[in-house]
Amino acid sequence: MLASLSRTASMRGCGLRLARAASFAAESPEEWPVAWVGALNSCDIAAMDALCQPPFTFVVAGKKMELDSMGSLLNFDKMKEMGWRKTTIQDVAVMHGDESQ
């Protein structure tokens, strides 16, 4: 999976508007979670979306949700009010993969 983003992005909840080439690119399954968490920690919804293929489908408490953007799910202002500052990854292990991709 190769995804990258280069655009001006308004980052809800971060109070930033900046133009940059995002370094959030994943070239292997092991790199994907690190790239996604990097985008999350930068409050960069556009970069998180670029690393995924919509619709984003989740099942929570037996209820299926489909979203067009991670921005529909994440509220950085509320997360920060609740004490969130960043997310970290300690280890990545691919449990299943398709070597042809």
Protein backbone atom coordinates (compact mmCIF):
# COMPACT_ATOMS: atom_id res chain seq x y z
CA MET A 1 0.00 0.00 0.00
CA LEU A 2 1.47 3.34 -0.98
CA ALA A 3 -0.27 6.49 0.08
CA SER A 4 0.96 10.03 0.34
CA LEU A 5 -0.52 13.46 0.60
CA SER A 6 0.62 16.86 -0.54
CA ARG A 7 -1.86 19.69 -0.10
CA THR A 8 -2.89 22.56 2.10
CA ALA A 9 -4.96 21.11 4.90
CA SER A 10 -7.08 22.70 7.56
CA MET A 11 -6.66 20.59 10.66
CA ARG A 12 -9.71 20.69 12.87
CA GLY A 13 -8.81 20.97 16.52
CA CYS A 14 -5.16 21.72 15.94
CA GLY A 15 -5.58 25.39 15.09
CA LEU A 16 -3.19 25.01 12.17
CA ARG A 17 -3.37 25.68 8.49
CA LEU A 18 -0.22 24.75 6.70
CA ALA A 19 1.05 23.64 3.34
CA ARG A 20 3.38 20.70 3.38
CA ALA A 21 4.14 17.39 1.80
CA ALA A 22 3.01 14.81 4.32
CA SER A 23 5.59 12.22 5.23
CA PHE A 24 2.84 9.80 6.15
CA ALA A 25 3.41 7.16 3.49
CA ALA A 26 3.26 3.42 3.98
CA GLU A 27 5.06 1.06 1.64
CA SER A 28 4.56 -2.10 3.69
CA PRO A 29 2.01 -3.48 6.14
CA GLU A 30 4.46 -2.87 9.00
CA GLU A 31 4.78 0.82 8.08
CA TRP A 32 1.04 1.50 7.80
CA PRO A 33 0.20 1.79 11.54
CA VAL A 34 3.22 4.04 12.12
CA ALA A 35 2.19 6.31 9.22
CA TRP A 36 -1.44 6.42 10.39
CA VAL A 37 -0.52 7.23 14.00
CA GLY A 38 1.86 9.93 12.72
CA ALA A 39 -1.05 11.51 10.85
CA LEU A 40 -3.27 11.12 13.93
CA ASN A 41 -0.72 12.82 16.18
CA SER A 42 -0.50 15.68 13.68
CA CYS A 43 -4.31 15.98 13.71
CA ASP A 44 -4.13 15.50 9.93
CA ILE A 45 -7.43 13.93 8.91
CA ALA A 46 -6.65 14.27 5.20
CA ALA A 47 -3.44 12.23 5.65
CA MET A 48 -5.30 9.57 7.67
CA ASP A 49 -7.93 9.37 4.93
CA ALA A 50 -5.22 9.09 2.25
CA LEU A 51 -3.79 6.04 4.02
CA CYS A 52 -7.14 4.25 3.88
CA GLN A 53 -9.72 3.27 1.31
CA PRO A 54 -13.23 4.59 1.96
CA PRO A 55 -15.76 3.80 3.11
CA PHE A 56 -14.27 3.31 6.59
CA THR A 57 -16.26 0.50 8.18
CA PHE A 58 -16.40 -0.17 11.92
CA VAL A 59 -18.52 -2.48 14.04
CA VAL A 60 -19.07 -1.11 17.55
CA ALA A 61 -21.33 -2.91 20.01
CA GLY A 62 -22.75 -4.94 17.14
CA LYS A 63 -23.65 -1.83 15.16
CA LYS A 64 -22.06 -1.28 11.72
CA MET A 65 -20.87 2.24 10.89
CA GLU A 66 -19.61 3.43 7.49
CA LEU A 67 -17.85 6.78 7.19
CA ASP A 68 -16.51 8.70 4.21
CA SER A 69 -13.78 10.36 6.31
CA MET A 70 -12.05 9.85 9.64
CA GLY A 71 -13.07 13.46 10.31
CA SER A 72 -16.59 12.15 10.92
CA LEU A 73 -15.28 10.10 13.84
CA LEU A 74 -12.49 12.14 15.43
CA ASN A 75 -12.93 15.32 17.44
CA PHE A 76 -9.43 16.50 18.37
CA ASP A 77 -10.72 19.33 20.59
CA LYS A 78 -12.74 16.85 22.69
CA MET A 79 -9.87 14.34 22.75
CA LYS A 80 -7.51 17.03 24.07
CA GLU A 81 -10.06 18.14 26.67
CA MET A 82 -10.12 14.54 27.89
CA GLY A 83 -6.31 14.50 28.21
CA TRP A 84 -5.16 13.03 24.89
CA ARG A 85 -1.84 14.43 23.66
CA LYS A 86 -0.52 11.71 21.37
CA THR A 87 -0.78 8.05 20.50
CA THR A 88 2.28 5.81 20.46
CA ILE A 89 3.06 2.40 18.99
CA GLN A 90 5.42 0.09 20.83
CA ASP A 91 5.50 -2.79 18.37
CA VAL A 92 4.00 -3.83 15.04
CA ALA A 93 3.46 -7.43 13.99
CA VAL A 94 1.69 -8.35 10.77
CA MET A 95 -0.62 -11.24 11.52
CA HIS A 96 -1.70 -11.83 7.92
CA GLY A 97 -0.48 -10.35 4.69
CA ASP A 98 -0.65 -10.68 0.95
CA GLU A 99 2.90 -10.88 -0.36
CA SER A 100 1.68 -10.13 -3.90
CA GLN A 101 0.82 -6.51 -2.96
